[in-house]
C-alpha atoms as a PDB file:
ATOM      1  CA  MET A   1    -169.887 153.286 -63.924  1.00  0.00           C
ATOM      2  CA  LYS A   2    -167.491 154.125 -61.118  1.00  0.00           C
ATOM      3  CA  ARG A   3    -167.941 153.256 -57.485  1.00  0.00           C
ATOM      4  CA  THR A   4    -165.839 153.528 -54.330  1.00  0.00           C
ATOM      5  CA  TYR A   5    -165.832 150.893 -51.581  1.00  0.00           C
ATOM      6  CA  THR A   6    -164.240 150.828 -48.167  1.00  0.00           C
ATOM      7  CA  CYS A   7    -162.784 147.356 -47.899  1.00  0.00           C
ATOM      8  CA  ILE A   8    -163.887 145.372 -44.832  1.00  0.00           C
ATOM      9  CA  VAL A   9    -161.673 142.330 -45.329  1.00  0.00           C
ATOM     10  CA  CYS A  10    -158.857 143.477 -43.063  1.00  0.00           C
ATOM     11  CA  PRO A  11    -158.251 146.345 -40.601  1.00  0.00           C
ATOM     12  CA  ARG A  12    -156.544 148.555 -43.207  1.00  0.00           C
ATOM     13  CA  GLY A  13    -159.896 149.736 -44.610  1.00  0.00           C
ATOM     14  CA  CYS A  14    -158.587 150.559 -48.089  1.00  0.00           C
ATOM     15  CA  GLU A  15    -160.630 152.919 -50.249  1.00  0.00           C
ATOM     16  CA  ILE A  16    -161.071 150.919 -53.427  1.00  0.00           C
ATOM     17  CA  GLU A  17    -162.318 152.403 -56.683  1.00  0.00           C
ATOM     18  CA  THR A  18    -163.801 150.270 -59.398  1.00  0.00           C
ATOM     19  CA  GLU A  19    -165.086 150.742 -62.907  1.00  0.00           C
ATOM     20  CA  TYR A  20    -167.803 148.334 -63.970  1.00  0.00           C
ATOM     21  CA  GLU A  21    -170.847 147.841 -66.127  1.00  0.00           C
ATOM     22  CA  GLY A  22    -173.465 145.440 -64.758  1.00  0.00           C
ATOM     23  CA  LYS A  23    -171.471 142.482 -63.458  1.00  0.00           C
ATOM     24  CA  ASN A  24    -168.457 143.175 -65.694  1.00  0.00           C
ATOM     25  CA  VAL A  25    -165.581 144.627 -63.690  1.00  0.00           C
ATOM     26  CA  PHE A  26    -163.088 146.600 -65.805  1.00  0.00           C
ATOM     27  CA  SER A  27    -160.709 147.929 -63.155  1.00  0.00           C
ATOM     28  CA  VAL A  28    -160.062 147.850 -59.426  1.00  0.00           C
ATOM     29  CA  THR A  29    -157.607 150.311 -57.850  1.00  0.00           C
ATOM     30  CA  GLY A  30    -156.627 151.362 -54.343  1.00  0.00           C
ATOM     31  CA  ASN A  31    -156.655 147.911 -52.793  1.00  0.00           C
ATOM     32  CA  GLY A  32    -153.662 147.130 -50.601  1.00  0.00           C
ATOM     33  CA  CYS A  33    -153.903 143.389 -51.218  1.00  0.00           C
ATOM     34  CA  LYS A  34    -155.447 140.795 -53.506  1.00  0.00           C
ATOM     35  CA  ARG A  35    -158.238 140.134 -50.997  1.00  0.00           C
ATOM     36  CA  GLY A  36    -159.528 143.686 -51.446  1.00  0.00           C
ATOM     37  CA  GLU A  37    -159.871 143.177 -55.181  1.00  0.00           C
ATOM     38  CA  GLU A  38    -161.699 139.874 -54.601  1.00  0.00           C
ATOM     39  CA  TYR A  39    -164.005 141.564 -52.068  1.00  0.00           C
ATOM     40  CA  VAL A  40    -165.049 144.316 -54.497  1.00  0.00           C
ATOM     41  CA  LYS A  41    -165.602 141.869 -57.360  1.00  0.00           C
ATOM     42  CA  GLN A  42    -167.788 139.724 -55.121  1.00  0.00           C
ATOM     43  CA  GLU A  43    -169.754 142.774 -53.925  1.00  0.00           C
ATOM     44  CA  LEU A  44    -170.505 143.659 -57.541  1.00  0.00           C
ATOM     45  CA  THR A  45    -171.301 140.179 -58.828  1.00  0.00           C
ATOM     46  CA  ASP A  46    -172.567 138.120 -55.863  1.00  0.00           C
ATOM     47  CA  PRO A  47    -172.824 140.082 -52.582  1.00  0.00           C
ATOM     48  CA  ARG A  48    -172.809 137.829 -49.517  1.00  0.00           C
ATOM     49  CA  ARG A  49    -173.238 138.358 -45.800  1.00  0.00           C
ATOM     50  CA  THR A  50    -172.953 136.398 -42.590  1.00  0.00           C
ATOM     51  CA  ILE A  51    -175.609 136.568 -39.911  1.00  0.00           C
ATOM     52  CA  ALA A  52    -175.381 136.605 -36.132  1.00  0.00           C
ATOM     53  CA  SER A  53    -178.543 136.338 -34.073  1.00  0.00           C
ATOM     54  CA  SER A  54    -179.980 134.647 -31.002  1.00  0.00           C
ATOM     55  CA  VAL A  55    -182.552 131.932 -30.393  1.00  0.00           C
ATOM     56  CA  LEU A  56    -184.816 131.083 -27.468  1.00  0.00           C
ATOM     57  CA  VAL A  57    -183.622 128.533 -24.901  1.00  0.00           C
ATOM     58  CA  LYS A  58    -186.040 126.615 -22.663  1.00  0.00           C
ATOM     59  CA  GLY A  59    -184.830 125.636 -19.219  1.00  0.00           C
ATOM     60  CA  GLY A  60    -181.575 127.548 -19.457  1.00  0.00           C
ATOM     61  CA  VAL A  61    -179.818 129.890 -17.077  1.00  0.00           C
ATOM     62  CA  LEU A  62    -180.104 132.416 -19.920  1.00  0.00           C
ATOM     63  CA  PRO A  63    -183.215 132.925 -22.059  1.00  0.00           C
ATOM     64  CA  LEU A  64    -181.269 133.170 -25.327  1.00  0.00           C
ATOM     65  CA  ALA A  65    -178.287 131.551 -27.027  1.00  0.00           C
ATOM     66  CA  SER A  66    -176.133 133.360 -29.587  1.00  0.00           C
ATOM     67  CA  VAL A  67    -175.926 131.783 -33.048  1.00  0.00           C
ATOM     68  CA  ARG A  68    -174.241 132.593 -36.336  1.00  0.00           C
ATOM     69  CA  LEU A  69    -173.682 131.238 -39.818  1.00  0.00           C
ATOM     70  CA  ASN A  70    -170.402 129.469 -40.478  1.00  0.00           C
ATOM     71  CA  ARG A  71    -170.161 131.049 -43.945  1.00  0.00           C
ATOM     72  CA  ALA A  72    -171.703 133.881 -45.904  1.00  0.00           C
ATOM     73  CA  VAL A  73    -174.967 133.497 -47.812  1.00  0.00           C
ATOM     74  CA  PRO A  74    -176.316 135.544 -50.715  1.00  0.00           C
ATOM     75  CA  LYS A  75    -177.339 138.985 -49.478  1.00  0.00           C
ATOM     76  CA  ASP A  76    -180.783 138.675 -51.055  1.00  0.00           C
ATOM     77  CA  ARG A  77    -181.521 135.557 -48.936  1.00  0.00           C
ATOM     78  CA  ILE A  78    -180.797 137.091 -45.512  1.00  0.00           C
ATOM     79  CA  PHE A  79    -184.462 137.588 -44.610  1.00  0.00           C
ATOM     80  CA  ASP A  80    -185.286 133.991 -45.615  1.00  0.00           C
ATOM     81  CA  VAL A  81    -182.455 132.703 -43.416  1.00  0.00           C
ATOM     82  CA  MET A  82    -183.491 134.901 -40.482  1.00  0.00           C
ATOM     83  CA  SER A  83    -187.052 133.599 -40.799  1.00  0.00           C
ATOM     84  CA  GLU A  84    -185.760 130.036 -40.412  1.00  0.00           C
ATOM     85  CA  ILE A  85    -183.518 130.954 -37.482  1.00  0.00           C
ATOM     86  CA  LYS A  86    -186.346 132.630 -35.593  1.00  0.00           C
ATOM     87  CA  ASN A  87    -188.303 129.347 -35.683  1.00  0.00           C
ATOM     88  CA  ILE A  88    -185.677 127.599 -33.526  1.00  0.00           C
ATOM     89  CA  THR A  89    -186.274 126.940 -29.835  1.00  0.00           C
ATOM     90  CA  LEU A  90    -183.543 125.042 -27.994  1.00  0.00           C
ATOM     91  CA  GLU A  91    -183.579 122.959 -24.829  1.00  0.00           C
ATOM     92  CA  ALA A  92    -180.801 123.634 -22.342  1.00  0.00           C
ATOM     93  CA  PRO A  93    -178.003 122.785 -22.102  1.00  0.00           C
ATOM     94  CA  VAL A  94    -176.696 124.363 -25.323  1.00  0.00           C
ATOM     95  CA  TYR A  95    -173.060 123.942 -26.307  1.00  0.00           C
ATOM     96  CA  SER A  96    -171.014 126.328 -28.430  1.00  0.00           C
ATOM     97  CA  GLY A  97    -170.126 124.816 -31.790  1.00  0.00           C
ATOM     98  CA  THR A  98    -173.278 122.693 -32.055  1.00  0.00           C
ATOM     99  CA  VAL A  99    -174.753 122.732 -35.561  1.00  0.00           C
ATOM    100  CA  LEU A 100    -178.388 123.718 -35.134  1.00  0.00           C
ATOM    101  CA  ILE A 101    -179.464 123.840 -38.784  1.00  0.00           C
ATOM    102  CA  PRO A 102    -177.137 122.158 -41.282  1.00  0.00           C
ATOM    103  CA  ASP A 103    -177.078 123.627 -44.811  1.00  0.00           C
ATOM    104  CA  ILE A 104    -179.808 126.171 -44.102  1.00  0.00           C
ATOM    105  CA  LEU A 105    -182.140 126.541 -47.098  1.00  0.00           C
ATOM    106  CA  GLY A 106    -179.617 124.607 -49.222  1.00  0.00           C
ATOM    107  CA  LEU A 107    -177.272 127.616 -49.209  1.00  0.00           C
ATOM    108  CA  GLY A 108    -174.197 125.724 -47.973  1.00  0.00           C
ATOM    109  CA  ALA A 109    -174.067 127.445 -44.580  1.00  0.00           C
ATOM    110  CA  ASP A 110    -174.752 125.925 -41.168  1.00  0.00           C
ATOM    111  CA  VAL A 111    -176.363 127.736 -38.242  1.00  0.00           C
ATOM    112  CA  ILE A 112    -174.168 127.094 -35.201  1.00  0.00           C
ATOM    113  CA  ALA A 113    -174.437 127.957 -31.517  1.00  0.00           C
ATOM    114  CA  ILE A 114    -171.664 130.305 -30.379  1.00  0.00           C
ATOM    115  CA  LYS A 115    -172.551 130.534 -26.699  1.00  0.00           C
ATOM    116  CA  ASP A 116    -172.939 127.860 -24.038  1.00  0.00           C
ATOM    117  CA  VAL A 117    -176.155 128.037 -22.043  1.00  0.00           C
ATOM    118  CA  ALA A 118    -176.280 125.779 -18.997  1.00  0.00           C
ATOM    119  CA  ALA A 119    -179.489 124.182 -17.811  1.00  0.00           C
ATOM    120  CA  GLN A 120    -181.195 125.611 -14.768  1.00  0.00           C
ATOM    121  CA  GLU A 121    -180.749 123.334 -11.820  1.00  0.00           C
ATOM    122  CA  GLU A 122    -183.798 121.911 -10.197  1.00  0.00           C
ATOM    123  CA  ALA A 123    -184.757 123.835  -7.084  1.00  0.00           C
ATOM    124  CA  ALA A 124    -183.005 122.193  -4.160  1.00  0.00           C
ATOM    125  CA  PRO A 125    -185.388 120.673  -1.614  1.00  0.00           C
ATOM    126  CA  ASP A 126    -185.759 122.581   1.634  1.00  0.00           C
ATOM    127  CA  LYS A 127    -183.250 121.037   4.056  1.00  0.00           C
ATOM    128  CA  THR A 128    -184.433 122.763   7.179  1.00  0.00           C
ATOM    129  CA  LEU A 129    -185.432 120.374   9.898  1.00  0.00           C
ATOM    130  CA  SER A 130    -188.703 120.875  11.633  1.00  0.00           C
ATOM    131  CA  LYS A 131    -189.051 120.169  15.329  1.00  0.00           C
ATOM    132  CA  SER A 132    -191.705 117.648  16.107  1.00  0.00           C
END
């Protein structure tokens, strides 16, 4: 079979053609660099994706914190990973870079916070003086 891909590894966006049968790749042409060839071979044999999402934050100045995976997971496991992520509720403050779920589902990827969310400050007491 023949198939054409637009490479997403770098900004060049090379149009890469490949000949393959099942998971056997016979030829890759049109790639401007070695990474393009590796990308197409991975897409054919073991497609992977990263995920970015958001999770609920209690007591924060924002209701949500942005999260992402620190490495790609198998494409066919994305819905399983998203199901786990949607079960998270954080307490403010949340700090960018914090690992929220290490090695999610044993896939070798961590879910990390990528946005700081400060805690809401307690309402300041009323400082007006009353005349007695």
